[in-house]
Amino acid sequence: MKLAEILKKNAECAFCVLLGHTEISDLFLETVRKIGNALISVRENKEAGRICRQMHEKGLLYGVHADYGTGNREEILNDSWLKRQLPLHPHFVFCRQTNL
């Protein structure tokens, strides 16, 4: 079942959709905007800025997410990672601890 179908069939619910890929179609974004029950979060990577601009221009609720572990723990837990996300104008940021 496609994601848009799930969102439509469950209009009374709110969803937080964490996307890991870097290509999001305008059709998908417009569909999510019309349905109006989802926050989209993109993985922090070199394409996140472009994708966040797309979502910002469409007036979507969006965020940025990252995994952290021993390799990048200090960067995530001090404010340097968060400060890098602020120019993207996310409504939310999410961090998930992993064993990286």
C-alpha atoms as a PDB file:
ATOM      1  CA  MET A   1       0.000   0.000   0.000  1.00  0.00           C
ATOM      2  CA  LYS A   2       1.344   3.393  -0.891  1.00  0.00           C
ATOM      3  CA  LEU A   3       2.062   5.881   1.869  1.00  0.00           C
ATOM      4  CA  ALA A   4      -0.428   8.441   0.538  1.00  0.00           C
ATOM      5  CA  GLU A   5      -3.185   5.817   0.682  1.00  0.00           C
ATOM      6  CA  ILE A   6      -2.381   5.089   4.329  1.00  0.00           C
ATOM      7  CA  LEU A   7      -2.474   8.797   5.168  1.00  0.00           C
ATOM      8  CA  LYS A   8      -5.824   9.246   3.403  1.00  0.00           C
ATOM      9  CA  LYS A   9      -7.433   6.174   4.963  1.00  0.00           C
ATOM     10  CA  ASN A  10      -6.378   7.330   8.442  1.00  0.00           C
ATOM     11  CA  ALA A  11      -7.211  11.019   8.214  1.00  0.00           C
ATOM     12  CA  GLU A  12      -8.057  11.156  11.931  1.00  0.00           C
ATOM     13  CA  CYS A  13      -4.452  10.192  12.788  1.00  0.00           C
ATOM     14  CA  ALA A  14      -1.241  12.209  12.730  1.00  0.00           C
ATOM     15  CA  PHE A  15       1.878  10.690  11.182  1.00  0.00           C
ATOM     16  CA  CYS A  16       5.575  11.379  11.429  1.00  0.00           C
ATOM     17  CA  VAL A  17       7.179  10.023   8.263  1.00  0.00           C
ATOM     18  CA  LEU A  18      10.971   9.626   8.431  1.00  0.00           C
ATOM     19  CA  LEU A  19      12.452   9.389   4.951  1.00  0.00           C
ATOM     20  CA  GLY A  20      15.952   8.163   4.259  1.00  0.00           C
ATOM     21  CA  HIS A  21      16.138   8.717   0.521  1.00  0.00           C
ATOM     22  CA  THR A  22      16.952  11.977  -1.207  1.00  0.00           C
ATOM     23  CA  GLU A  23      14.376  12.134  -3.997  1.00  0.00           C
ATOM     24  CA  ILE A  24      10.906  13.325  -3.116  1.00  0.00           C
ATOM     25  CA  SER A  25       8.524  14.149  -5.932  1.00  0.00           C
ATOM     26  CA  ASP A  26       6.477  17.322  -6.095  1.00  0.00           C
ATOM     27  CA  LEU A  27       3.402  15.116  -6.550  1.00  0.00           C
ATOM     28  CA  PHE A  28       4.123  13.338  -3.249  1.00  0.00           C
ATOM     29  CA  LEU A  29       4.671  16.636  -1.430  1.00  0.00           C
ATOM     30  CA  GLU A  30       1.503  18.142  -2.857  1.00  0.00           C
ATOM     31  CA  THR A  31      -0.481  15.043  -1.892  1.00  0.00           C
ATOM     32  CA  VAL A  32       0.855  15.175   1.679  1.00  0.00           C
ATOM     33  CA  ARG A  33       0.020  18.886   1.861  1.00  0.00           C
ATOM     34  CA  LYS A  34      -3.570  18.269   0.736  1.00  0.00           C
ATOM     35  CA  ILE A  35      -4.117  15.395   3.159  1.00  0.00           C
ATOM     36  CA  GLY A  36      -2.650  17.472   5.992  1.00  0.00           C
ATOM     37  CA  ASN A  37      -1.938  14.828   8.636  1.00  0.00           C
ATOM     38  CA  ALA A  38       1.790  14.181   8.272  1.00  0.00           C
ATOM     39  CA  LEU A  39       5.086  15.647   9.327  1.00  0.00           C
ATOM     40  CA  ILE A  40       7.870  14.642   6.953  1.00  0.00           C
ATOM     41  CA  SER A  41      11.391  14.314   8.284  1.00  0.00           C
ATOM     42  CA  VAL A  42      14.401  13.861   6.035  1.00  0.00           C
ATOM     43  CA  ARG A  43      17.707  12.326   7.031  1.00  0.00           C
ATOM     44  CA  GLU A  44      20.415  14.917   7.546  1.00  0.00           C
ATOM     45  CA  ASN A  45      22.744  14.608   4.569  1.00  0.00           C
ATOM     46  CA  LYS A  46      24.046  16.721   1.685  1.00  0.00           C
ATOM     47  CA  GLU A  47      20.606  16.726  -0.004  1.00  0.00           C
ATOM     48  CA  ALA A  48      18.608  17.744   3.079  1.00  0.00           C
ATOM     49  CA  GLY A  49      18.876  21.464   2.308  1.00  0.00           C
ATOM     50  CA  ARG A  50      17.355  21.073  -1.150  1.00  0.00           C
ATOM     51  CA  ILE A  51      14.550  18.861   0.121  1.00  0.00           C
ATOM     52  CA  CYS A  52      13.790  21.157   3.051  1.00  0.00           C
ATOM     53  CA  ARG A  53      13.535  24.115   0.658  1.00  0.00           C
ATOM     54  CA  GLN A  54      10.990  22.152  -1.399  1.00  0.00           C
ATOM     55  CA  MET A  55       8.906  21.442   1.682  1.00  0.00           C
ATOM     56  CA  HIS A  56       9.263  24.990   3.019  1.00  0.00           C
ATOM     57  CA  GLU A  57       8.060  26.433  -0.313  1.00  0.00           C
ATOM     58  CA  LYS A  58       4.992  24.159  -0.197  1.00  0.00           C
ATOM     59  CA  GLY A  59       4.165  25.163   3.378  1.00  0.00           C
ATOM     60  CA  LEU A  60       4.638  21.663   4.790  1.00  0.00           C
ATOM     61  CA  LEU A  61       5.364  20.682   8.359  1.00  0.00           C
ATOM     62  CA  TYR A  62       8.819  19.092   8.212  1.00  0.00           C
ATOM     63  CA  GLY A  63      11.849  18.127  10.205  1.00  0.00           C
ATOM     64  CA  VAL A  64      15.355  16.728   9.975  1.00  0.00           C
ATOM     65  CA  HIS A  65      16.615  13.565  11.654  1.00  0.00           C
ATOM     66  CA  ALA A  66      19.940  11.875  12.336  1.00  0.00           C
ATOM     67  CA  ASP A  67      21.282   8.789  14.011  1.00  0.00           C
ATOM     68  CA  TYR A  68      24.079   9.156  16.506  1.00  0.00           C
ATOM     69  CA  GLY A  69      26.511   6.817  18.163  1.00  0.00           C
ATOM     70  CA  THR A  70      30.081   6.716  19.354  1.00  0.00           C
ATOM     71  CA  GLY A  71      31.398   8.231  16.112  1.00  0.00           C
ATOM     72  CA  ASN A  72      29.334  11.426  16.215  1.00  0.00           C
ATOM     73  CA  ARG A  73      27.922  11.540  19.747  1.00  0.00           C
ATOM     74  CA  GLU A  74      29.621  14.751  20.825  1.00  0.00           C
ATOM     75  CA  GLU A  75      28.624  16.593  17.661  1.00  0.00           C
ATOM     76  CA  ILE A  76      24.973  15.633  18.162  1.00  0.00           C
ATOM     77  CA  LEU A  77      24.868  16.263  21.902  1.00  0.00           C
ATOM     78  CA  ASN A  78      26.517  19.670  21.830  1.00  0.00           C
ATOM     79  CA  ASP A  79      24.761  22.404  19.898  1.00  0.00           C
ATOM     80  CA  SER A  80      26.902  22.312  16.724  1.00  0.00           C
ATOM     81  CA  TRP A  81      24.683  19.773  14.926  1.00  0.00           C
ATOM     82  CA  LEU A  82      21.524  21.641  15.857  1.00  0.00           C
ATOM     83  CA  LYS A  83      22.991  24.965  14.715  1.00  0.00           C
ATOM     84  CA  ARG A  84      23.725  23.421  11.288  1.00  0.00           C
ATOM     85  CA  GLN A  85      20.069  22.414  10.964  1.00  0.00           C
ATOM     86  CA  LEU A  86      18.586  25.823  11.812  1.00  0.00           C
ATOM     87  CA  PRO A  87      19.147  27.361   8.324  1.00  0.00           C
ATOM     88  CA  LEU A  88      16.908  24.578   6.955  1.00  0.00           C
ATOM     89  CA  HIS A  89      14.005  26.012   9.036  1.00  0.00           C
ATOM     90  CA  PRO A  90      12.751  22.634  10.294  1.00  0.00           C
ATOM     91  CA  HIS A  91       9.779  22.572  12.643  1.00  0.00           C
ATOM     92  CA  PHE A  92      11.338  19.599  14.444  1.00  0.00           C
ATOM     93  CA  VAL A  93      14.677  17.810  14.712  1.00  0.00           C
ATOM     94  CA  PHE A  94      14.960  14.175  15.735  1.00  0.00           C
ATOM     95  CA  CYS A  95      17.969  12.218  16.935  1.00  0.00           C
ATOM     96  CA  ARG A  96      18.063   8.483  17.470  1.00  0.00           C
ATOM     97  CA  GLN A  97      20.829   6.766  19.369  1.00  0.00           C
ATOM     98  CA  THR A  98      22.332   3.799  17.568  1.00  0.00           C
ATOM     99  CA  ASN A  99      25.456   1.699  17.958  1.00  0.00           C
ATOM    100  CA  LEU A 100      27.319   3.435  15.106  1.00  0.00           C
END
